[in-house]
Amino acid sequence: MFKVILTTRSHTNLAGLASVFEVNKDVHVFWAASGNQALNKVSEAPIDLVVTDENLGDMTGLELVERLLKLNPMINCALVSPLSSRDFHNATEGLGLMAQLSPRPKEEEGEELLNKLKKLKGLEAGFKDA
């Protein structure tokens, strides 16, 4: 089972992703209303993916990703951002983000993100078995 944190001040911002994740029996969704709530959850239990909105009130999504990497350098993150692909790459280079998501991502982005996570976790399992 995949454990996913959706971090946003407004559930409607990530409703498209949530609709994909919440109907999937292999995904358990946790909601965090702030960056600090997400950080606390990650420090309490293993999490497979953190999705963060652009602005969380107590910090930006980018700041959350930077802080998450200090807790767990191998954590998978996806960030909502309106930046162009080039500007996003420049702003996040070296952070190892799984994906850039559009503001208010749609179900299709959720399905694509879940497929990436499944592939990545499948690869990790293969390395552990070897």
Protein backbone atom coordinates (compact mmCIF):
# COMPACT_ATOMS: atom_id res chain seq x y z
CA MET A 1 0.00 0.00 0.00
CA PHE A 2 1.23 3.48 -0.89
CA LYS A 3 0.99 6.23 1.70
CA VAL A 4 0.47 9.64 0.15
CA ILE A 5 0.23 13.05 1.80
CA LEU A 6 -1.71 15.75 -0.05
CA THR A 7 -0.61 19.10 1.36
CA THR A 8 -2.83 22.09 0.70
CA ARG A 9 -4.81 24.77 2.50
CA SER A 10 -7.84 23.94 0.33
CA HIS A 11 -8.88 20.38 -0.53
CA THR A 12 -10.48 21.64 -3.75
CA ASN A 13 -7.01 22.57 -5.06
CA LEU A 14 -6.00 18.89 -5.11
CA ALA A 15 -9.44 17.33 -5.64
CA GLY A 16 -8.49 15.90 -9.05
CA LEU A 17 -5.54 14.03 -7.59
CA ALA A 18 -7.49 12.96 -4.54
CA SER A 19 -10.25 11.45 -6.67
CA VAL A 20 -7.70 9.17 -8.34
CA PHE A 21 -5.82 8.25 -5.17
CA GLU A 22 -8.80 7.76 -2.85
CA VAL A 23 -10.58 5.22 -5.09
CA ASN A 24 -7.42 3.14 -5.48
CA LYS A 25 -7.28 0.34 -2.90
CA ASP A 26 -3.47 0.46 -3.00
CA VAL A 27 -3.30 4.08 -1.83
CA HIS A 28 -3.91 5.53 1.62
CA VAL A 29 -4.31 9.32 1.51
CA PHE A 30 -3.45 11.64 4.37
CA TRP A 31 -4.29 15.34 4.19
CA ALA A 32 -2.09 18.07 5.64
CA ALA A 33 -3.31 21.68 5.81
CA SER A 34 0.17 23.14 6.28
CA GLY A 35 3.80 22.42 5.66
CA ASN A 36 4.38 21.75 9.34
CA GLN A 37 1.57 19.17 9.43
CA ALA A 38 3.17 17.36 6.49
CA LEU A 39 6.59 17.46 8.15
CA ASN A 40 5.14 16.02 11.36
CA LYS A 41 3.43 13.18 9.47
CA VAL A 42 6.62 12.32 7.57
CA SER A 43 8.59 12.23 10.82
CA GLU A 44 6.01 9.84 12.37
CA ALA A 45 5.71 7.19 9.66
CA PRO A 46 7.15 6.15 6.28
CA ILE A 47 5.47 8.03 3.43
CA ASP A 48 5.77 7.10 -0.24
CA LEU A 49 4.80 10.43 -1.79
CA VAL A 50 4.18 14.01 -0.68
CA VAL A 51 2.22 16.24 -3.03
CA THR A 52 2.37 19.90 -2.13
CA ASP A 53 0.43 22.92 -3.26
CA GLU A 54 2.34 26.05 -4.18
CA ASN A 55 1.50 28.09 -1.06
CA LEU A 56 0.78 26.43 2.26
CA GLY A 57 0.39 29.46 4.49
CA ASP A 58 3.28 28.62 6.81
CA MET A 59 5.73 28.05 3.94
CA THR A 60 5.84 27.59 0.18
CA GLY A 61 5.65 24.17 -1.42
CA LEU A 62 9.27 24.54 -2.48
CA GLU A 63 10.32 25.27 1.10
CA LEU A 64 8.42 22.18 2.24
CA VAL A 65 10.24 20.00 -0.29
CA GLU A 66 13.61 21.36 0.88
CA ARG A 67 12.72 20.60 4.51
CA LEU A 68 11.37 17.14 3.65
CA LEU A 69 14.64 16.24 1.98
CA LYS A 70 16.48 17.06 5.20
CA LEU A 71 14.22 14.58 7.03
CA ASN A 72 14.39 11.91 4.33
CA PRO A 73 16.64 12.42 1.29
CA MET A 74 14.86 9.59 -0.55
CA ILE A 75 11.31 10.93 -0.20
CA ASN A 76 9.24 11.28 -3.37
CA CYS A 77 7.67 14.69 -3.90
CA ALA A 78 5.50 16.41 -6.49
CA LEU A 79 4.99 20.16 -6.51
CA VAL A 80 2.15 22.27 -7.87
CA SER A 81 3.65 25.16 -9.79
CA PRO A 82 2.53 27.55 -12.53
CA LEU A 83 6.14 28.09 -13.67
CA SER A 84 7.22 27.19 -17.18
CA SER A 85 9.07 23.87 -17.45
CA ARG A 86 12.37 25.71 -17.81
CA ASP A 87 11.82 28.01 -14.82
CA PHE A 88 10.57 25.08 -12.75
CA HIS A 89 13.69 23.09 -13.59
CA ASN A 90 15.90 26.03 -12.61
CA ALA A 91 14.02 26.58 -9.34
CA THR A 92 14.00 22.91 -8.31
CA GLU A 93 17.25 21.57 -9.76
CA GLY A 94 18.88 19.09 -7.41
CA LEU A 95 15.71 18.38 -5.41
CA GLY A 96 14.79 15.21 -7.29
CA LEU A 97 11.10 16.02 -7.66
CA MET A 98 8.95 13.34 -9.29
CA ALA A 99 6.70 15.81 -11.05
CA GLN A 100 5.59 19.35 -11.64
CA LEU A 101 1.81 19.55 -11.40
CA SER A 102 -0.37 22.26 -12.84
CA PRO A 103 -2.42 24.42 -10.47
CA ARG A 104 -5.55 22.43 -9.55
CA PRO A 105 -4.24 19.26 -11.21
CA LYS A 106 -6.77 17.11 -13.03
CA GLU A 107 -7.42 13.39 -12.69
CA GLU A 108 -5.14 12.64 -15.65
CA GLU A 109 -2.17 14.11 -13.77
CA GLY A 110 -3.12 12.00 -10.75
CA GLU A 111 -3.17 8.84 -12.84
CA GLU A 112 0.19 9.70 -14.40
CA LEU A 113 1.71 10.45 -10.99
CA LEU A 114 0.37 7.21 -9.50
CA ASN A 115 1.81 5.22 -12.43
CA LYS A 116 5.22 6.87 -11.91
CA LEU A 117 5.08 6.00 -8.21
CA LYS A 118 4.18 2.38 -8.94
CA LYS A 119 7.06 2.07 -11.41
CA LEU A 120 9.50 3.68 -9.00
CA LYS A 121 8.44 1.49 -6.10
CA GLY A 122 8.62 -1.57 -8.36
CA LEU A 123 12.21 -0.66 -9.21
CA GLU A 124 13.05 -0.22 -5.53
CA ALA A 125 11.58 -3.63 -4.73
CA GLY A 126 13.71 -5.16 -7.49
CA PHE A 127 16.87 -3.69 -5.99
CA LYS A 128 15.96 -5.00 -2.54
CA ASP A 129 15.38 -8.49 -3.92
CA ALA A 130 18.67 -8.56 -5.81
